């Protein structure tokens, strides 16, 4: 049985505290938004292009980064599935240990609301 205490859920069989479902959903939406900013959004295209110009396509590591971010000419998009793993891995410890602090929660909520707004806007539209 699981008890919900504020932002955290505590399992009856385990004394390890895990973020509640609400925090995990908000966090997942925030990760989705950051991933979209990195791989697809027009606002980040100039930064992506500048970063990709530094890469040498003959180096394997650089080819992998181009695959993640998309080609520098901007005709194609990066790999959101791949980038989301890295964004999630980098941000998970922050949410695990400090997820309830306003300094973490406020930006995460802003990103989650932005992602939700974009998802609602996209319903029924061809993009």
C-alpha atoms as a PDB file:
ATOM      1  CA  UNK A   1       0.000   0.000   0.000  1.00  0.00           C
ATOM      2  CA  UNK A   2       1.220   3.490  -0.794  1.00  0.00           C
ATOM      3  CA  UNK A   3       0.590   6.597   1.262  1.00  0.00           C
ATOM      4  CA  UNK A   4       0.777  10.030  -0.294  1.00  0.00           C
ATOM      5  CA  UNK A   5       2.412  12.628   1.944  1.00  0.00           C
ATOM      6  CA  UNK A   6       2.501  16.034   0.315  1.00  0.00           C
ATOM      7  CA  UNK A   7       4.575  15.797  -2.853  1.00  0.00           C
ATOM      8  CA  UNK A   8       5.986  12.372  -2.023  1.00  0.00           C
ATOM      9  CA  UNK A   9       4.627   8.826  -2.073  1.00  0.00           C
ATOM     10  CA  UNK A  10       5.969   6.359   0.484  1.00  0.00           C
ATOM     11  CA  UNK A  11       5.544   2.626  -0.138  1.00  0.00           C
ATOM     12  CA  UNK A  12       4.499   0.521   2.865  1.00  0.00           C
ATOM     13  CA  UNK A  13       7.058  -2.191   2.038  1.00  0.00           C
ATOM     14  CA  UNK A  14       9.898   0.180   1.322  1.00  0.00           C
ATOM     15  CA  UNK A  15      11.231   3.209   3.144  1.00  0.00           C
ATOM     16  CA  UNK A  16      12.726   4.808   0.023  1.00  0.00           C
ATOM     17  CA  UNK A  17      10.802   7.950  -0.816  1.00  0.00           C
ATOM     18  CA  UNK A  18       9.815   8.410  -4.438  1.00  0.00           C
ATOM     19  CA  UNK A  19       8.286  11.516  -6.037  1.00  0.00           C
ATOM     20  CA  UNK A  20       4.488  11.372  -6.266  1.00  0.00           C
ATOM     21  CA  UNK A  21       2.650  10.714  -9.505  1.00  0.00           C
ATOM     22  CA  UNK A  22       1.845  14.428  -9.828  1.00  0.00           C
ATOM     23  CA  UNK A  23       5.513  15.394  -9.614  1.00  0.00           C
ATOM     24  CA  UNK A  24       6.470  12.669 -12.093  1.00  0.00           C
ATOM     25  CA  UNK A  25       3.839  13.793 -14.621  1.00  0.00           C
ATOM     26  CA  UNK A  26       4.873  17.457 -14.302  1.00  0.00           C
ATOM     27  CA  UNK A  27       8.525  16.415 -14.616  1.00  0.00           C
ATOM     28  CA  UNK A  28       7.771  14.278 -17.709  1.00  0.00           C
ATOM     29  CA  UNK A  29       6.002  17.208 -19.363  1.00  0.00           C
ATOM     30  CA  UNK A  30       8.961  19.479 -18.557  1.00  0.00           C
ATOM     31  CA  UNK A  31      11.426  16.953 -20.028  1.00  0.00           C
ATOM     32  CA  UNK A  32       9.259  16.739 -23.155  1.00  0.00           C
ATOM     33  CA  UNK A  33       9.315  20.528 -23.489  1.00  0.00           C
ATOM     34  CA  UNK A  34      13.085  20.813 -23.065  1.00  0.00           C
ATOM     35  CA  UNK A  35      13.570  17.981 -25.560  1.00  0.00           C
ATOM     36  CA  UNK A  36      11.377  19.770 -28.094  1.00  0.00           C
ATOM     37  CA  UNK A  37      13.321  22.985 -27.553  1.00  0.00           C
ATOM     38  CA  UNK A  38      16.568  21.154 -28.258  1.00  0.00           C
ATOM     39  CA  UNK A  39      15.462  19.126 -31.287  1.00  0.00           C
ATOM     40  CA  UNK A  40      12.594  20.918 -33.051  1.00  0.00           C
ATOM     41  CA  UNK A  41      11.727  24.458 -32.051  1.00  0.00           C
ATOM     42  CA  UNK A  42      12.404  27.287 -34.425  1.00  0.00           C
ATOM     43  CA  UNK A  43      13.582  29.521 -31.560  1.00  0.00           C
ATOM     44  CA  UNK A  44      16.554  27.203 -30.915  1.00  0.00           C
ATOM     45  CA  UNK A  45      17.450  26.637 -34.592  1.00  0.00           C
ATOM     46  CA  UNK A  46      20.194  29.339 -34.683  1.00  0.00           C
ATOM     47  CA  UNK A  47      21.885  27.867 -31.584  1.00  0.00           C
ATOM     48  CA  UNK A  48      21.611  24.315 -32.981  1.00  0.00           C
ATOM     49  CA  UNK A  49      23.098  25.468 -36.288  1.00  0.00           C
ATOM     50  CA  UNK A  50      26.025  27.199 -34.577  1.00  0.00           C
ATOM     51  CA  UNK A  51      26.784  24.146 -32.447  1.00  0.00           C
ATOM     52  CA  UNK A  52      26.540  21.800 -35.434  1.00  0.00           C
ATOM     53  CA  UNK A  53      28.919  23.961 -37.522  1.00  0.00           C
ATOM     54  CA  UNK A  54      31.713  23.030 -35.091  1.00  0.00           C
ATOM     55  CA  UNK A  55      31.304  19.315 -35.795  1.00  0.00           C
ATOM     56  CA  UNK A  56      33.426  17.304 -38.182  1.00  0.00           C
ATOM     57  CA  UNK A  57      31.182  14.798 -40.028  1.00  0.00           C
ATOM     58  CA  UNK A  58      34.149  12.429 -40.422  1.00  0.00           C
ATOM     59  CA  UNK A  59      34.284  11.802 -36.672  1.00  0.00           C
ATOM     60  CA  UNK A  60      31.922   9.162 -35.306  1.00  0.00           C
ATOM     61  CA  UNK A  61      31.082  11.080 -32.110  1.00  0.00           C
ATOM     62  CA  UNK A  62      30.233  14.160 -34.134  1.00  0.00           C
ATOM     63  CA  UNK A  63      27.979  12.126 -36.466  1.00  0.00           C
ATOM     64  CA  UNK A  64      26.104  10.878 -33.398  1.00  0.00           C
ATOM     65  CA  UNK A  65      25.593  14.449 -32.158  1.00  0.00           C
ATOM     66  CA  UNK A  66      24.338  15.528 -35.577  1.00  0.00           C
ATOM     67  CA  UNK A  67      21.880  12.628 -35.416  1.00  0.00           C
ATOM     68  CA  UNK A  68      20.655  13.852 -32.019  1.00  0.00           C
ATOM     69  CA  UNK A  69      20.331  17.529 -32.949  1.00  0.00           C
ATOM     70  CA  UNK A  70      19.560  17.250 -36.670  1.00  0.00           C
ATOM     71  CA  UNK A  71      21.658  18.426 -39.620  1.00  0.00           C
ATOM     72  CA  UNK A  72      23.052  21.979 -39.585  1.00  0.00           C
ATOM     73  CA  UNK A  73      21.097  23.048 -42.684  1.00  0.00           C
ATOM     74  CA  UNK A  74      17.874  22.730 -40.682  1.00  0.00           C
ATOM     75  CA  UNK A  75      16.046  20.649 -43.309  1.00  0.00           C
ATOM     76  CA  UNK A  76      15.552  17.779 -40.888  1.00  0.00           C
ATOM     77  CA  UNK A  77      14.966  17.501 -37.179  1.00  0.00           C
ATOM     78  CA  UNK A  78      16.890  15.706 -34.462  1.00  0.00           C
ATOM     79  CA  UNK A  79      15.914  12.615 -32.523  1.00  0.00           C
ATOM     80  CA  UNK A  80      13.576  13.573 -29.661  1.00  0.00           C
ATOM     81  CA  UNK A  81      13.510  10.018 -28.288  1.00  0.00           C
ATOM     82  CA  UNK A  82      17.299  10.000 -28.027  1.00  0.00           C
ATOM     83  CA  UNK A  83      17.627  13.491 -26.575  1.00  0.00           C
ATOM     84  CA  UNK A  84      14.874  12.869 -24.009  1.00  0.00           C
ATOM     85  CA  UNK A  85      16.948  10.066 -22.472  1.00  0.00           C
ATOM     86  CA  UNK A  86      19.817  12.483 -21.874  1.00  0.00           C
ATOM     87  CA  UNK A  87      17.593  15.323 -20.654  1.00  0.00           C
ATOM     88  CA  UNK A  88      15.812  12.929 -18.300  1.00  0.00           C
ATOM     89  CA  UNK A  89      19.063  11.467 -17.004  1.00  0.00           C
ATOM     90  CA  UNK A  90      20.522  14.899 -16.276  1.00  0.00           C
ATOM     91  CA  UNK A  91      17.400  16.277 -14.603  1.00  0.00           C
ATOM     92  CA  UNK A  92      16.158  13.182 -12.704  1.00  0.00           C
ATOM     93  CA  UNK A  93      18.494  13.620  -9.711  1.00  0.00           C
ATOM     94  CA  UNK A  94      17.376  17.228  -9.324  1.00  0.00           C
ATOM     95  CA  UNK A  95      13.720  16.204  -9.210  1.00  0.00           C
ATOM     96  CA  UNK A  96      14.444  13.224  -6.961  1.00  0.00           C
ATOM     97  CA  UNK A  97      16.257  15.202  -4.270  1.00  0.00           C
ATOM     98  CA  UNK A  98      15.042  18.787  -4.692  1.00  0.00           C
ATOM     99  CA  UNK A  99      11.781  18.459  -6.655  1.00  0.00           C
ATOM    100  CA  UNK A 100       9.641  20.138  -4.017  1.00  0.00           C
ATOM    101  CA  UNK A 101      11.796  23.261  -3.688  1.00  0.00           C
ATOM    102  CA  UNK A 102      10.287  26.355  -5.373  1.00  0.00           C
ATOM    103  CA  UNK A 103      13.579  27.094  -7.161  1.00  0.00           C
ATOM    104  CA  UNK A 104      13.151  23.755  -8.985  1.00  0.00           C
ATOM    105  CA  UNK A 105       9.378  23.450  -9.029  1.00  0.00           C
ATOM    106  CA  UNK A 106       8.538  26.846 -10.556  1.00  0.00           C
ATOM    107  CA  UNK A 107      10.629  26.430 -13.756  1.00  0.00           C
ATOM    108  CA  UNK A 108       9.520  22.794 -14.063  1.00  0.00           C
ATOM    109  CA  UNK A 109       5.866  23.864 -13.786  1.00  0.00           C
ATOM    110  CA  UNK A 110       6.425  26.598 -16.385  1.00  0.00           C
ATOM    111  CA  UNK A 111       7.911  24.072 -18.812  1.00  0.00           C
ATOM    112  CA  UNK A 112       5.093  21.592 -18.097  1.00  0.00           C
ATOM    113  CA  UNK A 113       2.423  24.236 -18.732  1.00  0.00           C
ATOM    114  CA  UNK A 114       4.174  25.228 -21.966  1.00  0.00           C
ATOM    115  CA  UNK A 115       4.273  21.590 -23.120  1.00  0.00           C
ATOM    116  CA  UNK A 116       0.611  21.068 -22.217  1.00  0.00           C
ATOM    117  CA  UNK A 117      -0.391  24.228 -24.085  1.00  0.00           C
ATOM    118  CA  UNK A 118       1.520  23.080 -27.167  1.00  0.00           C
ATOM    119  CA  UNK A 119      -0.103  19.645 -27.001  1.00  0.00           C
ATOM    120  CA  UNK A 120      -3.601  21.159 -26.704  1.00  0.00           C
ATOM    121  CA  UNK A 121      -2.874  23.585 -29.547  1.00  0.00           C
ATOM    122  CA  UNK A 122      -1.698  20.705 -31.775  1.00  0.00           C
ATOM    123  CA  UNK A 123      -4.836  18.602 -31.311  1.00  0.00           C
ATOM    124  CA  UNK A 124      -6.530  18.304 -34.673  1.00  0.00           C
ATOM    125  CA  UNK A 125      -3.946  20.395 -36.523  1.00  0.00           C
ATOM    126  CA  UNK A 126      -1.522  19.166 -39.152  1.00  0.00           C
ATOM    127  CA  UNK A 127       2.032  19.925 -38.124  1.00  0.00           C
END
